[in-house]
Amino acid sequence: MSAGNKEIATSLRAARQAKGLTQKELGSRVGIPQSHISKIESGGVDLQLSSLTELSRALGLEVTLVPRAALAVLEGVLRSARSPINARQVPAYRLDEDDA
């Protein structure tokens, strides 16, 4: 299995688990047998684009092509969106004492 396919399989499994779904429940939502979901998550089958799209949407995800030049920025945004909210947040805009 290529590194990209492994990442996709791992992401699908993590998204399914985060939603609290079993492989059988996810399969029922998209019309794919549980055994095939298992093979997809373990990298045992070459995932078709149509199946990837259906699985992703059932998990609240969207398949999107991103230019490689923008990938690092997108990954940074996703990392920050997943990080816990700091106890002390700094607003994007703050009035100086002179402006108040």
Protein backbone atom coordinates (compact mmCIF):
# COMPACT_ATOMS: atom_id res chain seq x y z
CA MET A 1 0.00 0.00 0.00
CA SER A 2 1.33 3.44 -0.85
CA ALA A 3 1.84 6.04 1.86
CA GLY A 4 -1.03 8.17 0.53
CA ASN A 5 -3.46 5.26 0.58
CA LYS A 6 -2.40 4.34 4.11
CA GLU A 7 -3.04 7.91 5.28
CA ILE A 8 -6.50 7.88 3.71
CA ALA A 9 -7.35 4.51 5.25
CA THR A 10 -6.13 5.69 8.66
CA SER A 11 -8.09 8.94 8.35
CA LEU A 12 -11.29 7.11 7.40
CA ARG A 13 -10.93 4.75 10.37
CA ALA A 14 -10.25 7.64 12.78
CA ALA A 15 -13.22 9.62 11.45
CA ARG A 16 -15.51 6.60 11.78
CA GLN A 17 -14.36 5.98 15.34
CA ALA A 18 -14.71 9.67 16.23
CA LYS A 19 -18.33 9.53 15.05
CA GLY A 20 -18.87 6.46 17.24
CA LEU A 21 -19.82 4.27 14.29
CA THR A 22 -19.04 0.61 13.81
CA GLN A 23 -17.88 -0.60 10.44
CA LYS A 24 -21.30 -2.23 10.00
CA GLU A 25 -23.15 1.02 10.77
CA LEU A 26 -20.99 2.99 8.34
CA GLY A 27 -21.45 0.32 5.70
CA SER A 28 -25.22 0.47 6.13
CA ARG A 29 -25.19 4.23 5.60
CA VAL A 30 -23.33 3.98 2.29
CA GLY A 31 -24.42 0.55 1.05
CA ILE A 32 -21.04 -1.16 1.44
CA PRO A 33 -20.69 -4.47 3.33
CA GLN A 34 -18.85 -4.34 6.68
CA SER A 35 -16.23 -6.74 5.34
CA HIS A 36 -15.38 -4.29 2.56
CA ILE A 37 -15.16 -1.39 5.06
CA SER A 38 -12.69 -3.52 7.02
CA LYS A 39 -10.59 -4.14 3.90
CA ILE A 40 -10.64 -0.44 3.03
CA GLU A 41 -9.51 0.56 6.54
CA SER A 42 -6.74 -2.03 6.56
CA GLY A 43 -5.58 -1.10 3.06
CA GLY A 44 -6.55 -4.49 1.65
CA VAL A 45 -8.36 -3.02 -1.36
CA ASP A 46 -7.68 -0.20 -3.78
CA LEU A 47 -10.37 2.32 -2.85
CA GLN A 48 -12.44 3.67 -5.74
CA LEU A 49 -13.05 7.40 -5.88
CA SER A 50 -16.83 6.92 -5.74
CA SER A 51 -16.51 4.84 -2.55
CA LEU A 52 -14.11 7.35 -1.01
CA THR A 53 -16.55 10.17 -1.73
CA GLU A 54 -19.52 8.29 -0.24
CA LEU A 55 -17.60 7.20 2.86
CA SER A 56 -16.18 10.68 3.40
CA ARG A 57 -19.55 12.39 3.15
CA ALA A 58 -21.14 9.86 5.51
CA LEU A 59 -18.41 10.81 8.01
CA GLY A 60 -18.90 14.56 7.57
CA LEU A 61 -15.78 14.96 5.44
CA GLU A 62 -15.23 16.24 1.92
CA VAL A 63 -12.73 15.05 -0.69
CA THR A 64 -10.88 18.03 -2.16
CA LEU A 65 -7.81 18.41 -4.35
CA VAL A 66 -5.34 20.90 -2.90
CA PRO A 67 -2.40 22.41 -4.78
CA ARG A 68 0.86 21.14 -3.29
CA ALA A 69 2.05 24.71 -2.81
CA ALA A 70 -0.89 25.32 -0.44
CA LEU A 71 -0.67 22.00 1.41
CA ALA A 72 1.57 23.19 4.26
CA VAL A 73 -0.72 26.14 4.95
CA LEU A 74 -3.82 23.93 4.91
CA GLU A 75 -2.20 21.39 7.24
CA GLY A 76 -1.33 24.22 9.65
CA VAL A 77 -4.91 25.47 9.64
CA LEU A 78 -6.22 21.95 10.26
CA ARG A 79 -3.74 21.40 13.10
CA SER A 80 -4.78 24.64 14.78
CA ALA A 81 -8.46 23.76 14.36
CA ARG A 82 -7.87 20.42 16.13
CA SER A 83 -5.77 21.83 18.98
CA PRO A 84 -7.45 22.44 22.33
CA ILE A 85 -8.60 25.97 22.92
CA ASN A 86 -6.15 27.83 25.10
CA ALA A 87 -7.46 29.11 28.40
CA ARG A 88 -6.33 32.58 27.42
CA GLN A 89 -7.38 33.54 23.92
CA VAL A 90 -6.05 36.63 22.22
CA PRO A 91 -8.61 38.47 20.08
CA ALA A 92 -7.79 39.14 16.45
CA TYR A 93 -8.47 42.84 17.04
CA ARG A 94 -8.07 44.80 20.24
CA LEU A 95 -8.63 48.48 20.92
CA ASP A 96 -5.71 50.35 22.37
CA GLU A 97 -6.41 52.28 25.54
CA ASP A 98 -6.37 55.48 23.46
CA ASP A 99 -9.15 54.12 21.20
CA ALA A 100 -11.49 53.12 24.03
